[in-house]
Amino acid sequence: MTEQRLRIRSVPLMPAIVTGAWSGFVPSLFIGGAAGAIASFAAGAALEWMRELSFTTGIQEQLLPFGDRIGDLQTVQDDWFIVIPLAGVALGLVGALIGALTGALVAATYGSLLGSVEVVVEEATGAERTEPVKRVRRRRAPRSTDSAA
């Protein structure tokens, strides 16, 4: 086999943007779903608190804090099956945008920041190209214990 030393001087822009977008979208989707669930639960808790407070004090619900938002809170609580995915996708898209911009920034500044990265490439022989890669499964050595039992 022959070895070649190569240098990577640039990163293609589109693959960097797509990779950044996916790596930003996936975690943000899960975080957004959790935020939507928390928002739906908090809306229900706020409504229950307002009901108890108005019953205890005898003040109308509209005069309490968030009294003018009772309809909105009720909608968020009742439509949780819409709120949770919508919050997940919304935060996912924001995360994808941030990831895509980060990928574009890395691709644009790659050559100027790092100069280049040295990579060693080995050329495969003719027999290695035609043979499928076989994975070797190794067995673990039995564990030794220091216990007397």
N, C-alpha and C. Protein backbone atom coordinates (compact mmCIF):
# COMPACT_ATOMS: atom_id res chain seq x y z
N MET A 1 0.83 -1.18 0.00
CA MET A 1 0.00 0.00 0.00
C MET A 1 0.88 1.24 0.00
N THR A 2 0.42 2.21 -0.70
CA THR A 2 1.15 3.48 -0.74
C THR A 2 0.40 4.50 0.09
N GLU A 3 1.17 5.31 0.75
CA GLU A 3 0.60 6.37 1.58
C GLU A 3 0.70 7.70 0.85
N GLN A 4 -0.34 8.48 0.97
CA GLN A 4 -0.32 9.83 0.43
C GLN A 4 -0.70 10.79 1.53
N ARG A 5 0.00 11.88 1.61
CA ARG A 5 -0.34 12.92 2.58
C ARG A 5 -1.04 14.04 1.83
N LEU A 6 -2.25 14.31 2.26
CA LEU A 6 -3.07 15.34 1.63
C LEU A 6 -3.45 16.38 2.66
N ARG A 7 -3.82 17.54 2.18
CA ARG A 7 -4.29 18.61 3.07
C ARG A 7 -5.68 19.03 2.64
N ILE A 8 -6.57 19.16 3.62
CA ILE A 8 -7.91 19.67 3.35
C ILE A 8 -7.85 21.17 3.60
N ARG A 9 -8.07 21.93 2.57
CA ARG A 9 -7.96 23.39 2.68
C ARG A 9 -9.32 24.07 2.76
N SER A 10 -10.38 23.39 2.35
CA SER A 10 -11.70 24.01 2.41
C SER A 10 -12.76 22.94 2.64
N VAL A 11 -13.92 23.39 3.09
CA VAL A 11 -15.07 22.52 3.32
C VAL A 11 -16.18 23.02 2.40
N PRO A 12 -16.87 22.12 1.69
CA PRO A 12 -17.96 22.58 0.81
C PRO A 12 -19.08 23.24 1.62
N LEU A 13 -19.64 24.29 1.07
CA LEU A 13 -20.61 25.10 1.79
C LEU A 13 -21.95 24.39 2.01
N MET A 14 -22.53 23.82 0.96
CA MET A 14 -23.86 23.21 1.09
C MET A 14 -23.89 22.03 2.06
N PRO A 15 -22.95 21.07 1.99
CA PRO A 15 -22.99 20.00 2.99
C PRO A 15 -22.82 20.51 4.42
N ALA A 16 -22.03 21.56 4.60
CA ALA A 16 -21.85 22.12 5.93
C ALA A 16 -23.15 22.76 6.43
N ILE A 17 -23.87 23.44 5.55
CA ILE A 17 -25.13 24.06 5.93
C ILE A 17 -26.17 23.00 6.26
N VAL A 18 -26.28 21.96 5.43
CA VAL A 18 -27.26 20.90 5.67
C VAL A 18 -26.95 20.15 6.96
N THR A 19 -25.69 19.84 7.18
CA THR A 19 -25.30 19.15 8.41
C THR A 19 -25.59 20.02 9.63
N GLY A 20 -25.29 21.30 9.54
CA GLY A 20 -25.58 22.20 10.64
C GLY A 20 -27.06 22.33 10.91
N ALA A 21 -27.86 22.35 9.84
CA ALA A 21 -29.31 22.47 10.01
C ALA A 21 -29.87 21.23 10.70
N TRP A 22 -29.45 20.05 10.28
CA TRP A 22 -29.94 18.82 10.91
C TRP A 22 -29.48 18.72 12.35
N SER A 23 -28.23 19.07 12.60
CA SER A 23 -27.73 18.96 13.97
C SER A 23 -28.35 20.02 14.89
N GLY A 24 -28.90 21.08 14.34
CA GLY A 24 -29.63 22.04 15.15
C GLY A 24 -31.09 21.70 15.30
N PHE A 25 -31.68 21.08 14.26
CA PHE A 25 -33.12 20.79 14.27
C PHE A 25 -33.48 19.68 15.25
N VAL A 26 -32.72 18.60 15.24
CA VAL A 26 -33.11 17.42 16.03
C VAL A 26 -33.15 17.70 17.53
N PRO A 27 -32.09 18.23 18.15
CA PRO A 27 -32.21 18.50 19.59
C PRO A 27 -33.25 19.57 19.92
N SER A 28 -33.38 20.58 19.05
CA SER A 28 -34.35 21.64 19.30
C SER A 28 -35.78 21.12 19.20
N LEU A 29 -36.00 20.11 18.37
CA LEU A 29 -37.33 19.51 18.26
C LEU A 29 -37.73 18.88 19.59
N PHE A 30 -36.82 18.14 20.19
CA PHE A 30 -37.12 17.51 21.48
C PHE A 30 -37.27 18.55 22.59
N ILE A 31 -36.41 19.54 22.59
CA ILE A 31 -36.51 20.61 23.60
C ILE A 31 -37.82 21.37 23.43
N GLY A 32 -38.22 21.64 22.20
CA GLY A 32 -39.48 22.34 21.94
C GLY A 32 -40.69 21.51 22.37
N GLY A 33 -40.64 20.21 22.17
CA GLY A 33 -41.73 19.35 22.64
C GLY A 33 -41.85 19.39 24.15
N ALA A 34 -40.72 19.34 24.82
CA ALA A 34 -40.74 19.43 26.29
C ALA A 34 -41.24 20.80 26.74
N ALA A 35 -40.84 21.86 26.06
CA ALA A 35 -41.31 23.21 26.41
C ALA A 35 -42.81 23.34 26.17
N GLY A 36 -43.33 22.73 25.11
CA GLY A 36 -44.77 22.75 24.86
C GLY A 36 -45.54 22.00 25.93
N ALA A 37 -45.00 20.87 26.39
CA ALA A 37 -45.66 20.11 27.46
C ALA A 37 -45.66 20.91 28.76
N ILE A 38 -44.54 21.57 29.05
CA ILE A 38 -44.47 22.39 30.26
C ILE A 38 -45.43 23.57 30.17
N ALA A 39 -45.54 24.18 28.99
CA ALA A 39 -46.46 25.31 28.82
C ALA A 39 -47.91 24.87 28.99
N SER A 40 -48.25 23.72 28.46
CA SER A 40 -49.62 23.23 28.61
C SER A 40 -49.93 22.89 30.06
N PHE A 41 -48.97 22.28 30.75
CA PHE A 41 -49.17 21.97 32.16
C PHE A 41 -49.26 23.24 32.99
N ALA A 42 -48.41 24.23 32.70
CA ALA A 42 -48.42 25.48 33.45
C ALA A 42 -49.73 26.24 33.23
N ALA A 43 -50.28 26.16 32.02
CA ALA A 43 -51.56 26.82 31.77
C ALA A 43 -52.66 26.19 32.62
N GLY A 44 -52.66 24.88 32.72
CA GLY A 44 -53.65 24.20 33.55
C GLY A 44 -53.47 24.53 35.02
N ALA A 45 -52.22 24.58 35.47
CA ALA A 45 -51.96 24.91 36.87
C ALA A 45 -52.39 26.35 37.18
N ALA A 46 -52.14 27.26 36.25
CA ALA A 46 -52.54 28.66 36.46
C ALA A 46 -54.06 28.79 36.52
N LEU A 47 -54.75 28.06 35.65
CA LEU A 47 -56.22 28.10 35.69
C LEU A 47 -56.76 27.55 36.99
N GLU A 48 -56.20 26.45 37.46
CA GLU A 48 -56.65 25.87 38.73
C GLU A 48 -56.39 26.82 39.89
N TRP A 49 -55.22 27.45 39.88
CA TRP A 49 -54.88 28.41 40.94
C TRP A 49 -55.85 29.59 40.94
N MET A 50 -56.20 30.06 39.75
CA MET A 50 -57.13 31.19 39.65
C MET A 50 -58.52 30.80 40.13
N ARG A 51 -58.95 29.58 39.83
CA ARG A 51 -60.26 29.12 40.29
C ARG A 51 -60.31 29.04 41.82
N GLU A 52 -59.25 28.46 42.40
CA GLU A 52 -59.19 28.34 43.86
C GLU A 52 -59.12 29.72 44.52
N LEU A 53 -58.33 30.61 43.96
CA LEU A 53 -58.17 31.94 44.54
C LEU A 53 -59.47 32.74 44.46
N SER A 54 -60.16 32.62 43.34
CA SER A 54 -61.42 33.37 43.23
C SER A 54 -62.49 32.79 44.16
N PHE A 55 -62.48 31.47 44.35
CA PHE A 55 -63.44 30.86 45.27
C PHE A 55 -63.11 31.24 46.71
N THR A 56 -61.81 31.24 47.06
CA THR A 56 -61.39 31.55 48.42
C THR A 56 -61.62 33.02 48.78
N THR A 57 -61.27 33.92 47.88
CA THR A 57 -61.36 35.35 48.18
C THR A 57 -62.69 35.97 47.78
N GLY A 58 -63.42 35.31 46.92
CA GLY A 58 -64.70 35.85 46.47
C GLY A 58 -64.55 36.90 45.39
N ILE A 59 -63.37 37.01 44.79
CA ILE A 59 -63.12 37.98 43.73
C ILE A 59 -63.36 37.30 42.39
N GLN A 60 -63.92 38.01 41.44
CA GLN A 60 -64.16 37.43 40.12
C GLN A 60 -62.84 37.06 39.46
N GLU A 61 -62.86 36.01 38.65
CA GLU A 61 -61.64 35.54 37.98
C GLU A 61 -61.06 36.58 37.05
N GLN A 62 -61.90 37.41 36.45
CA GLN A 62 -61.41 38.42 35.52
C GLN A 62 -60.58 39.50 36.22
N LEU A 63 -60.78 39.68 37.53
CA LEU A 63 -60.03 40.70 38.26
C LEU A 63 -58.70 40.17 38.81
N LEU A 64 -58.47 38.86 38.73
CA LEU A 64 -57.22 38.27 39.22
C LEU A 64 -56.12 38.42 38.18
N PRO A 65 -54.86 38.18 38.60
CA PRO A 65 -53.78 38.18 37.60
C PRO A 65 -54.08 37.15 36.51
N PHE A 66 -53.79 37.46 35.29
CA PHE A 66 -54.08 36.64 34.11
C PHE A 66 -55.57 36.46 33.89
N GLY A 67 -56.40 37.26 34.55
CA GLY A 67 -57.84 37.13 34.41
C GLY A 67 -58.33 37.41 33.01
N ASP A 68 -57.64 38.33 32.32
CA ASP A 68 -58.04 38.64 30.95
C ASP A 68 -57.52 37.61 29.95
N ARG A 69 -56.71 36.68 30.42
CA ARG A 69 -56.13 35.64 29.56
C ARG A 69 -56.70 34.25 29.83
N ILE A 70 -57.82 34.18 30.50
CA ILE A 70 -58.39 32.88 30.85
C ILE A 70 -58.70 32.06 29.59
N GLY A 71 -59.23 32.70 28.58
CA GLY A 71 -59.56 31.99 27.33
C GLY A 71 -58.32 31.43 26.66
N ASP A 72 -57.25 32.22 26.64
CA ASP A 72 -56.00 31.75 26.03
C ASP A 72 -55.41 30.58 26.82
N LEU A 73 -55.41 30.70 28.14
CA LEU A 73 -54.88 29.62 28.97
C LEU A 73 -55.71 28.34 28.81
N GLN A 74 -57.02 28.49 28.71
CA GLN A 74 -57.89 27.33 28.52
C GLN A 74 -57.61 26.66 27.17
N THR A 75 -57.37 27.47 26.16
CA THR A 75 -57.05 26.92 24.83
C THR A 75 -55.74 26.15 24.85
N VAL A 76 -54.73 26.72 25.50
CA VAL A 76 -53.43 26.04 25.58
C VAL A 76 -53.55 24.74 26.35
N GLN A 77 -54.35 24.73 27.40
CA GLN A 77 -54.52 23.51 28.19
C GLN A 77 -55.33 22.46 27.42
N ASP A 78 -56.41 22.87 26.79
CA ASP A 78 -57.28 21.92 26.11
C ASP A 78 -56.67 21.37 24.82
N ASP A 79 -55.96 22.21 24.10
CA ASP A 79 -55.37 21.79 22.82
C ASP A 79 -53.91 21.39 22.97
N TRP A 80 -53.59 20.65 24.01
CA TRP A 80 -52.20 20.25 24.26
C TRP A 80 -51.64 19.40 23.12
N PHE A 81 -52.49 18.62 22.47
CA PHE A 81 -52.03 17.76 21.38
C PHE A 81 -51.64 18.56 20.14
N ILE A 82 -52.01 19.83 20.08
CA ILE A 82 -51.57 20.72 19.02
C ILE A 82 -50.40 21.58 19.51
N VAL A 83 -50.46 22.00 20.77
CA VAL A 83 -49.44 22.90 21.33
C VAL A 83 -48.08 22.23 21.38
N ILE A 84 -48.02 20.98 21.82
CA ILE A 84 -46.73 20.31 22.00
C ILE A 84 -46.01 20.12 20.67
N PRO A 85 -46.63 19.52 19.62
CA PRO A 85 -45.90 19.41 18.35
C PRO A 85 -45.58 20.75 17.71
N LEU A 86 -46.50 21.71 17.85
CA LEU A 86 -46.26 23.02 17.26
C LEU A 86 -45.06 23.71 17.92
N ALA A 87 -44.96 23.61 19.23
CA ALA A 87 -43.81 24.18 19.94
C ALA A 87 -42.53 23.46 19.54
N GLY A 88 -42.60 22.13 19.37
CA GLY A 88 -41.43 21.37 18.97
C GLY A 88 -40.93 21.76 17.60
N VAL A 89 -41.85 21.86 16.64
CA VAL A 89 -41.45 22.23 15.28
C VAL A 89 -40.95 23.67 15.23
N ALA A 90 -41.59 24.56 15.97
CA ALA A 90 -41.17 25.97 15.97
C ALA A 90 -39.74 26.10 16.51
N LEU A 91 -39.48 25.48 17.67
CA LEU A 91 -38.13 25.55 18.21
C LEU A 91 -37.15 24.77 17.33
N GLY A 92 -37.61 23.69 16.70
CA GLY A 92 -36.76 22.93 15.79
C GLY A 92 -36.31 23.75 14.60
N LEU A 93 -37.22 24.55 14.05
CA LEU A 93 -36.86 25.41 12.92
C LEU A 93 -35.89 26.51 13.33
N VAL A 94 -36.09 27.05 14.52
CA VAL A 94 -35.13 28.06 15.01
C VAL A 94 -33.75 27.42 15.20
N GLY A 95 -33.73 26.21 15.79
CA GLY A 95 -32.46 25.51 15.96
C GLY A 95 -31.81 25.15 14.63
N ALA A 96 -32.63 24.79 13.63
CA ALA A 96 -32.10 24.49 12.30
C ALA A 96 -31.49 25.72 11.66
N LEU A 97 -32.12 26.85 11.83
CA LEU A 97 -31.58 28.10 11.29
C LEU A 97 -30.25 28.45 11.94
N ILE A 98 -30.20 28.32 13.25
CA ILE A 98 -28.94 28.60 13.95
C ILE A 98 -27.86 27.61 13.53
N GLY A 99 -28.21 26.33 13.41
CA GLY A 99 -27.24 25.32 12.99
C GLY A 99 -26.75 25.55 11.57
N ALA A 100 -27.67 25.93 10.66
CA ALA A 100 -27.27 26.19 9.28
C ALA A 100 -26.33 27.39 9.19
N LEU A 101 -26.64 28.43 9.95
CA LEU A 101 -25.75 29.61 9.94
C LEU A 101 -24.39 29.27 10.54
N THR A 102 -24.38 28.43 11.56
CA THR A 102 -23.11 28.02 12.15
C THR A 102 -22.30 27.18 11.16
N GLY A 103 -22.98 26.25 10.46
CA GLY A 103 -22.30 25.45 9.44
C GLY A 103 -21.73 26.30 8.33
N ALA A 104 -22.50 27.31 7.89
CA ALA A 104 -22.01 28.21 6.85
C ALA A 104 -20.81 29.01 7.33
N LEU A 105 -20.85 29.44 8.58
CA LEU A 105 -19.73 30.20 9.15
C LEU A 105 -18.48 29.34 9.24
N VAL A 106 -18.65 28.09 9.66
CA VAL A 106 -17.50 27.19 9.76
C VAL A 106 -16.93 26.92 8.37
N ALA A 107 -17.79 26.67 7.40
CA ALA A 107 -17.32 26.40 6.03
C ALA A 107 -16.62 27.62 5.44
N ALA A 108 -17.13 28.80 5.71
CA ALA A 108 -16.54 30.01 5.14
C ALA A 108 -15.21 30.36 5.77
N THR A 109 -15.06 30.09 7.06
CA THR A 109 -13.83 30.48 7.74
C THR A 109 -12.86 29.33 7.96
N TYR A 110 -13.17 28.15 7.43
CA TYR A 110 -12.35 26.96 7.68
C TYR A 110 -10.90 27.16 7.26
N GLY A 111 -10.69 27.61 6.04
CA GLY A 111 -9.33 27.76 5.53
C GLY A 111 -8.55 28.86 6.23
N SER A 112 -9.22 29.92 6.62
CA SER A 112 -8.49 31.03 7.22
C SER A 112 -8.17 30.79 8.69
N LEU A 113 -9.01 30.02 9.39
CA LEU A 113 -8.76 29.79 10.81
C LEU A 113 -7.73 28.68 11.05
N LEU A 114 -7.93 27.56 10.37
CA LEU A 114 -7.06 26.41 10.62
C LEU A 114 -5.94 26.28 9.60
N GLY A 115 -5.98 27.03 8.56
CA GLY A 115 -4.99 26.87 7.50
C GLY A 115 -5.33 25.65 6.68
N SER A 116 -5.00 24.50 7.18
CA SER A 116 -5.36 23.24 6.54
C SER A 116 -5.18 22.12 7.54
N VAL A 117 -5.80 21.00 7.26
CA VAL A 117 -5.69 19.82 8.11
C VAL A 117 -5.01 18.74 7.30
N GLU A 118 -3.99 18.12 7.88
CA GLU A 118 -3.27 17.08 7.17
C GLU A 118 -3.96 15.74 7.37
N VAL A 119 -4.15 15.04 6.26
CA VAL A 119 -4.82 13.74 6.27
C VAL A 119 -3.92 12.74 5.55
N VAL A 120 -3.79 11.54 6.11
CA VAL A 120 -3.02 10.49 5.48
C VAL A 120 -4.00 9.51 4.85
N VAL A 121 -3.84 9.27 3.54
CA VAL A 121 -4.72 8.38 2.79
C VAL A 121 -3.88 7.22 2.27
N GLU A 122 -4.39 6.01 2.51
CA GLU A 122 -3.70 4.82 1.99
C GLU A 122 -4.50 4.27 0.83
N GLU A 123 -3.82 3.95 -0.25
CA GLU A 123 -4.49 3.38 -1.41
C GLU A 123 -4.67 1.89 -1.20
N ALA A 124 -5.86 1.39 -1.48
CA ALA A 124 -6.15 -0.03 -1.30
C ALA A 124 -5.60 -0.81 -2.49
N THR A 125 -5.16 -2.04 -2.22
CA THR A 125 -4.69 -2.90 -3.31
C THR A 125 -5.88 -3.48 -4.04
N GLY A 126 -5.64 -4.14 -5.17
CA GLY A 126 -6.71 -4.72 -5.97
C GLY A 126 -7.50 -5.78 -5.21
N ALA A 127 -6.82 -6.62 -4.42
CA ALA A 127 -7.51 -7.67 -3.66
C ALA A 127 -8.38 -7.06 -2.57
N GLU A 128 -7.93 -5.99 -1.95
CA GLU A 128 -8.71 -5.35 -0.89
C GLU A 128 -9.96 -4.68 -1.43
N ARG A 129 -9.89 -4.22 -2.66
CA ARG A 129 -11.06 -3.55 -3.24
C ARG A 129 -12.20 -4.52 -3.53
N THR A 130 -11.86 -5.76 -3.94
CA THR A 130 -12.90 -6.71 -4.31
C THR A 130 -13.43 -7.50 -3.12
N GLU A 131 -12.64 -7.69 -2.07
CA GLU A 131 -13.09 -8.45 -0.90
C GLU A 131 -14.00 -7.59 -0.03
N PRO A 132 -15.09 -8.18 0.44
CA PRO A 132 -15.89 -7.43 1.41
C PRO A 132 -15.15 -7.32 2.74
N VAL A 133 -15.45 -6.29 3.46
CA VAL A 133 -14.80 -6.07 4.75
C VAL A 133 -15.37 -7.05 5.76
N LYS A 134 -14.49 -7.81 6.41
CA LYS A 134 -14.92 -8.77 7.43
C LYS A 134 -14.66 -8.18 8.80
N ARG A 135 -15.65 -8.29 9.63
CA ARG A 135 -15.49 -7.79 11.00
C ARG A 135 -15.04 -8.94 11.88
N VAL A 136 -14.07 -8.65 12.69
CA VAL A 136 -13.55 -9.65 13.60
C VAL A 136 -14.23 -9.46 14.95
N ARG A 137 -14.84 -10.53 15.44
CA ARG A 137 -15.49 -10.47 16.74
C ARG A 137 -14.55 -11.05 17.77
N ARG A 138 -14.23 -10.26 18.73
CA ARG A 138 -13.33 -10.72 19.78
C ARG A 138 -14.13 -11.05 21.02
N ARG A 139 -13.73 -12.12 21.68
CA ARG A 139 -14.39 -12.49 22.92
C ARG A 139 -13.67 -11.85 24.08
N ARG A 140 -14.45 -11.51 25.07
CA ARG A 140 -13.86 -10.93 26.27
C ARG A 140 -13.16 -12.01 27.07
N ALA A 141 -12.11 -11.61 27.73
CA ALA A 141 -11.44 -12.53 28.65
C ALA A 141 -12.32 -12.69 29.89
N PRO A 142 -12.34 -13.88 30.46
CA PRO A 142 -13.17 -14.06 31.65
C PRO A 142 -12.69 -13.15 32.78
N ARG A 143 -13.63 -12.68 33.56
CA ARG A 143 -13.30 -11.77 34.64
C ARG A 143 -12.70 -12.55 35.79
N SER A 144 -11.70 -11.94 36.34
CA SER A 144 -11.13 -12.58 37.53
C SER A 144 -11.61 -11.83 38.76
N THR A 145 -11.93 -12.58 39.77
CA THR A 145 -12.41 -11.95 40.99
C THR A 145 -11.44 -12.26 42.12
N ASP A 146 -11.37 -11.38 43.05
CA ASP A 146 -10.49 -11.57 44.20
C ASP A 146 -11.25 -12.06 45.41
N SER A 147 -12.51 -12.39 45.23
CA SER A 147 -13.30 -12.82 46.38
C SER A 147 -13.00 -14.27 46.72
N ALA A 148 -13.16 -14.61 47.95
CA ALA A 148 -12.87 -15.96 48.43
C ALA A 148 -14.03 -16.90 48.14
N ALA A 149 -15.18 -16.39 47.89
CA ALA A 149 -16.36 -17.25 47.69
C ALA A 149 -16.39 -17.87 46.35
